Amino acid sequence: DNTQLNTTELASAIERLSCKLSYIIFDACYMSNIESAYDLRRCAEYILASPCEVMASGMPYNDIVPIMTGSGSIQSRLESSAKAFVDFYADDNSIYASACSAVINCNELDALAAAMKRVNGSLQAIDHKTLQAFDGISPSSNPTHIFFDIEDYILKSCTDSAAVDDFCKQLALTVTGQHHTDTF
């Protein structure tokens, strides 16, 4: 019984359709990660997703659907939707007032991978406890962060300042919109 689908399987299924989607919106936790985006880079122009947990209410479709069916470029509608998603949770006065979202331009992911290859040639060991972490699934007996911010990782571990600058510039071209509540 297959109840799960990984991103390479999803990418393969979409690629078999012989069309490129305008966008993919993930209403799921931790989908705004470089690995998933890279797997799906040939499947869609853009991805809107969260790099952290998505609270139980999920995406506020009552807010997002009118934006996505409105006028303007796909990128601007996705960026407005990403903001509406975060605003929905920011307005919550409970423990669920937590959200992050990012809009990824998939057409820039190959260039980001090339920038990452340059960075990889100049990495030094660092204490992962110093990195911005996103809570992840790990045993309560040994709580360990398993999701980290890629930019923070590069800034703290790469010794080649020109490679860091190039990576950060390319990351800004790749992640075109990002929003978050004060805490997440």
Protein backbone atom coordinates (compact mmCIF):
# COMPACT_ATOMS: atom_id res chain seq x y z
CA ASP A 1 0.00 0.00 0.00
CA ASN A 2 1.76 3.16 -1.21
CA THR A 3 0.65 6.04 0.96
CA GLN A 4 3.66 8.26 0.40
CA LEU A 5 5.20 9.93 -2.60
CA ASN A 6 8.68 11.38 -2.57
CA THR A 7 9.67 14.41 -4.61
CA THR A 8 11.60 12.44 -7.22
CA GLU A 9 8.51 10.30 -7.84
CA LEU A 10 6.35 13.42 -8.04
CA ALA A 11 8.79 15.07 -10.44
CA SER A 12 8.86 11.98 -12.63
CA ALA A 13 5.06 11.84 -12.77
CA ILE A 14 4.79 15.54 -13.68
CA GLU A 15 7.56 15.29 -16.28
CA ARG A 16 5.70 12.40 -17.96
CA LEU A 17 2.83 14.84 -18.60
CA SER A 18 5.14 16.65 -21.04
CA CYS A 19 4.14 20.05 -19.72
CA LYS A 20 5.61 22.46 -17.24
CA LEU A 21 3.25 23.70 -14.53
CA SER A 22 3.05 27.40 -13.82
CA TYR A 23 3.35 26.72 -10.09
CA ILE A 24 3.10 24.17 -7.33
CA ILE A 25 1.73 25.16 -3.92
CA PHE A 26 2.52 22.77 -1.09
CA ASP A 27 0.20 22.73 1.90
CA ALA A 28 2.64 20.53 3.79
CA CYS A 29 5.43 20.93 6.32
CA TYR A 30 9.07 21.48 5.32
CA MET A 31 8.52 21.52 1.54
CA SER A 32 10.42 24.77 0.93
CA ASN A 33 13.74 23.01 1.10
CA ILE A 34 16.48 23.06 -1.49
CA GLU A 35 16.36 19.32 -2.08
CA SER A 36 12.64 19.22 -2.95
CA ALA A 37 12.80 22.39 -5.02
CA TYR A 38 15.76 21.05 -6.99
CA ASP A 39 13.96 17.76 -7.65
CA LEU A 40 10.98 19.71 -9.03
CA ARG A 41 12.92 22.40 -10.93
CA ARG A 42 11.86 21.14 -14.36
CA CYS A 43 8.22 20.63 -13.35
CA ALA A 44 7.07 24.16 -12.55
CA GLU A 45 8.03 27.79 -12.97
CA TYR A 46 7.49 28.50 -9.25
CA ILE A 47 6.95 26.75 -5.94
CA LEU A 48 5.20 28.28 -2.95
CA ALA A 49 5.89 26.31 0.22
CA SER A 50 6.86 26.52 3.87
CA PRO A 51 10.35 25.73 5.19
CA CYS A 52 8.90 24.84 8.59
CA GLU A 53 5.81 23.24 10.06
CA VAL A 54 2.43 24.19 8.65
CA MET A 55 -0.10 24.47 11.44
CA ALA A 56 -3.16 22.22 11.42
CA SER A 57 -5.37 24.78 9.65
CA GLY A 58 -3.09 24.59 6.62
CA MET A 59 -3.27 27.16 3.87
CA PRO A 60 -6.06 29.74 4.19
CA TYR A 61 -7.70 28.87 0.88
CA ASN A 62 -10.45 31.48 1.38
CA ASP A 63 -7.68 34.09 1.19
CA ILE A 64 -5.35 32.46 -1.34
CA VAL A 65 -7.75 31.27 -4.06
CA PRO A 66 -9.06 34.78 -4.86
CA ILE A 67 -5.47 36.03 -5.10
CA MET A 68 -4.41 33.18 -7.38
CA THR A 69 -7.43 33.62 -9.66
CA GLY A 70 -6.98 37.39 -9.80
CA SER A 71 -4.92 39.52 -12.11
CA GLY A 72 -1.19 40.15 -12.22
CA SER A 73 1.80 37.97 -12.93
CA ILE A 74 1.96 34.48 -11.49
CA GLN A 75 4.99 35.51 -9.46
CA SER A 76 3.22 38.51 -7.90
CA ARG A 77 0.11 36.45 -7.15
CA LEU A 78 2.24 33.76 -5.51
CA GLU A 79 4.10 36.34 -3.45
CA SER A 80 0.79 37.88 -2.34
CA SER A 81 -0.47 34.39 -1.48
CA ALA A 82 2.69 33.65 0.51
CA LYS A 83 2.11 36.84 2.50
CA ALA A 84 -1.60 36.04 2.99
CA PHE A 85 -0.63 32.61 4.33
CA VAL A 86 1.70 34.14 6.93
CA ASP A 87 -0.72 36.97 7.78
CA PHE A 88 -3.45 34.40 8.46
CA TYR A 89 -1.32 32.86 11.22
CA ALA A 90 0.14 36.17 12.42
CA ASP A 91 -3.42 37.31 13.23
CA ASP A 92 -3.97 34.22 15.41
CA ASN A 93 -3.56 35.02 19.10
CA SER A 94 -2.85 31.43 20.11
CA ILE A 95 0.14 29.13 20.11
CA TYR A 96 -0.56 28.59 16.40
CA ALA A 97 0.58 32.12 15.45
CA SER A 98 3.50 30.65 13.56
CA ALA A 99 4.20 30.45 9.84
CA CYS A 100 6.84 30.84 7.14
CA SER A 101 6.51 30.84 3.38
CA ALA A 102 8.76 31.21 0.38
CA VAL A 103 8.28 31.60 -3.35
CA ILE A 104 10.95 29.79 -5.34
CA ASN A 105 11.73 30.59 -8.97
CA CYS A 106 12.52 27.13 -10.31
CA ASN A 107 14.22 28.57 -13.39
CA GLU A 108 17.02 29.82 -11.12
CA LEU A 109 17.72 26.53 -9.34
CA ASP A 110 20.40 25.28 -11.75
CA ALA A 111 22.30 28.53 -11.26
CA LEU A 112 21.92 28.15 -7.49
CA ALA A 113 23.30 24.61 -7.73
CA ALA A 114 26.30 25.95 -9.66
CA ALA A 115 26.88 28.60 -6.97
CA MET A 116 26.61 25.85 -4.32
CA LYS A 117 29.27 23.77 -6.10
CA ARG A 118 31.64 26.72 -5.83
CA VAL A 119 30.81 27.09 -2.13
CA ASN A 120 31.38 23.37 -1.55
CA GLY A 121 35.04 23.82 -2.46
CA SER A 122 35.61 26.13 0.51
CA LEU A 123 33.71 24.71 3.44
CA GLN A 124 35.03 24.45 6.96
CA ALA A 125 33.64 22.37 9.80
CA ILE A 126 31.24 24.24 12.07
CA ASP A 127 29.16 23.51 15.11
CA HIS A 128 25.67 22.85 13.75
CA LYS A 129 24.22 24.12 17.04
CA THR A 130 25.10 27.65 15.87
CA LEU A 131 22.90 27.43 12.76
CA GLN A 132 19.37 28.71 12.35
CA ALA A 133 17.36 25.52 12.66
CA PHE A 134 13.83 24.58 11.82
CA ASP A 135 12.34 22.08 14.21
CA GLY A 136 12.30 18.66 12.71
CA ILE A 137 11.07 15.23 13.41
CA SER A 138 13.45 13.47 15.76
CA PRO A 139 13.00 11.17 18.74
CA SER A 140 12.09 12.96 21.96
CA SER A 141 14.79 10.90 23.67
CA ASN A 142 17.41 12.61 21.48
CA PRO A 143 16.00 15.88 20.17
CA THR A 144 18.06 16.94 17.20
CA HIS A 145 17.43 19.60 14.61
CA ILE A 146 17.41 18.12 11.15
CA PHE A 147 16.41 21.15 9.04
CA PHE A 148 18.72 24.15 8.75
CA ASP A 149 18.70 27.46 6.90
CA ILE A 150 20.95 27.06 3.85
CA GLU A 151 22.00 30.71 3.75
CA ASP A 152 23.03 30.66 7.41
CA TYR A 153 24.99 27.47 6.73
CA ILE A 154 26.85 29.05 3.83
CA LEU A 155 27.54 32.29 5.72
CA LYS A 156 29.03 30.38 8.66
CA SER A 157 30.89 27.58 6.90
CA CYS A 158 32.29 28.93 3.62
CA THR A 159 35.74 30.52 3.72
CA ASP A 160 35.59 31.99 0.19
CA SER A 161 33.90 35.39 0.55
CA ALA A 162 33.43 35.81 -3.22
CA ALA A 163 31.70 32.42 -3.40
CA VAL A 164 29.48 33.42 -0.46
CA ASP A 165 28.55 36.69 -2.19
CA ASP A 166 27.75 34.90 -5.45
CA PHE A 167 25.67 32.30 -3.62
CA CYS A 168 23.69 34.92 -1.68
CA LYS A 169 23.01 36.94 -4.85
CA GLN A 170 21.80 33.82 -6.64
CA LEU A 171 19.70 32.79 -3.63
CA ALA A 172 17.95 36.18 -3.76
CA LEU A 173 17.14 35.54 -7.44
CA THR A 174 15.90 32.04 -6.64
CA VAL A 175 13.80 32.79 -3.55
CA THR A 176 11.80 35.73 -4.82
CA GLY A 177 9.52 36.15 -1.84
CA GLN A 178 9.73 35.11 1.77
CA HIS A 179 7.52 35.87 4.73
CA HIS A 180 7.39 34.76 8.36
CA THR A 181 5.65 35.52 11.60
CA ASP A 182 7.72 37.01 14.41
CA THR A 183 8.22 33.51 15.77
CA PHE A 184 7.90 30.13 14.16
